[in-house]
Amino acid sequence: MAAKDGKRSGRQLLHLVFGGELTSLDKIEFGNLKALDIVGIYPNYAQAYDAWKEAAHRTVDDAHMRYFIVHLHRLLDPEQEPGGKLR
């Protein structure tokens, strides 16, 4: 279980929340990369989810606007399994 400070077993689990307007509803391709909304980087999934939910709700009337959570900790340490164990 992740601690409140975003650490699990002494490891930080960073998450990026961002979004932007898609070119179409059937693929993930952004129309204008310069206009991406970088919501922020969060120390754990729970805080990232709260930020994602708030951003998504602000744009609920725009079907082409989508927000995503990226598990940065998995990109920074690809040998790390989702459960926090090394492979």
Protein backbone atom coordinates (compact mmCIF):
# COMPACT_ATOMS: atom_id res chain seq x y z
CA MET A 1 0.00 0.00 0.00
CA ALA A 2 1.36 3.45 -0.92
CA ALA A 3 2.05 5.84 1.90
CA LYS A 4 0.65 9.38 1.95
CA ASP A 5 4.00 10.82 0.81
CA GLY A 6 3.90 8.67 -2.35
CA LYS A 7 6.42 6.09 -1.24
CA ARG A 8 5.96 2.35 -1.19
CA SER A 9 8.72 0.44 0.54
CA GLY A 10 10.88 3.56 0.49
CA ARG A 11 10.36 4.18 -3.24
CA GLN A 12 8.72 7.24 -4.76
CA LEU A 13 5.93 6.48 -7.27
CA LEU A 14 5.61 9.53 -9.53
CA HIS A 15 2.57 10.02 -11.80
CA LEU A 16 2.06 12.63 -14.54
CA VAL A 17 -1.41 13.98 -15.33
CA PHE A 18 -1.89 15.68 -18.69
CA GLY A 19 -4.49 16.15 -21.39
CA GLY A 20 -5.34 17.75 -24.65
CA GLU A 21 -7.72 17.85 -27.57
CA LEU A 22 -7.73 14.71 -29.72
CA THR A 23 -7.94 14.82 -33.51
CA SER A 24 -10.68 12.17 -33.48
CA LEU A 25 -12.56 10.06 -30.96
CA ASP A 26 -11.23 6.72 -32.21
CA LYS A 27 -7.48 7.25 -31.63
CA ILE A 28 -5.11 8.93 -29.22
CA GLU A 29 -3.54 11.65 -31.35
CA PHE A 30 -3.41 15.24 -30.17
CA GLY A 31 -4.31 18.06 -32.53
CA ASN A 32 -1.93 20.65 -31.04
CA LEU A 33 0.97 19.43 -28.92
CA LYS A 34 1.80 23.00 -27.88
CA ALA A 35 -1.65 23.29 -26.29
CA LEU A 36 -1.34 20.20 -24.06
CA ASP A 37 -2.49 20.82 -20.51
CA ILE A 38 0.19 19.55 -18.14
CA VAL A 39 -1.80 19.30 -14.92
CA GLY A 40 1.15 18.18 -12.79
CA ILE A 41 3.32 15.44 -11.34
CA TYR A 42 2.04 13.71 -8.22
CA PRO A 43 3.75 11.50 -5.63
CA ASN A 44 1.18 8.69 -5.77
CA TYR A 45 -1.68 7.34 -7.85
CA ALA A 46 -4.42 8.54 -5.49
CA GLN A 47 -3.39 12.19 -5.79
CA ALA A 48 -2.89 11.83 -9.55
CA TYR A 49 -6.35 10.30 -9.88
CA ASP A 50 -7.92 13.20 -7.96
CA ALA A 51 -6.16 15.71 -10.26
CA TRP A 52 -7.17 13.72 -13.37
CA LYS A 53 -10.79 13.57 -12.23
CA GLU A 54 -10.93 17.31 -11.57
CA ALA A 55 -9.40 18.16 -14.97
CA ALA A 56 -11.65 15.69 -16.80
CA HIS A 57 -14.76 17.11 -15.14
CA ARG A 58 -13.80 20.66 -16.16
CA THR A 59 -13.86 19.58 -19.82
CA VAL A 60 -16.75 17.10 -19.71
CA ASP A 61 -18.67 19.00 -22.42
CA ASP A 62 -15.83 18.65 -24.96
CA ALA A 63 -15.82 15.07 -26.25
CA HIS A 64 -12.42 15.53 -27.92
CA MET A 65 -10.68 16.65 -24.73
CA ARG A 66 -9.05 13.78 -22.83
CA TYR A 67 -6.83 13.52 -19.77
CA PHE A 68 -4.41 10.73 -18.92
CA ILE A 69 -2.36 9.44 -16.00
CA VAL A 70 1.15 8.27 -16.88
CA HIS A 71 2.98 6.06 -14.39
CA LEU A 72 6.35 7.84 -14.51
CA HIS A 73 7.83 5.48 -11.94
CA ARG A 74 7.37 2.61 -14.40
CA LEU A 75 9.19 4.54 -17.14
CA LEU A 76 12.01 5.55 -14.80
CA ASP A 77 12.48 1.99 -13.52
CA PRO A 78 11.14 -0.49 -16.13
CA GLU A 79 12.47 -3.46 -14.13
CA GLN A 80 10.00 -2.60 -11.35
CA GLU A 81 6.79 -4.62 -11.35
CA PRO A 82 3.48 -2.83 -10.61
CA GLY A 83 3.34 -4.48 -7.17
CA GLY A 84 6.62 -2.84 -6.13
CA LYS A 85 8.81 -5.94 -6.56
CA LEU A 86 11.92 -6.10 -8.71
CA ARG A 87 11.85 -8.64 -11.52
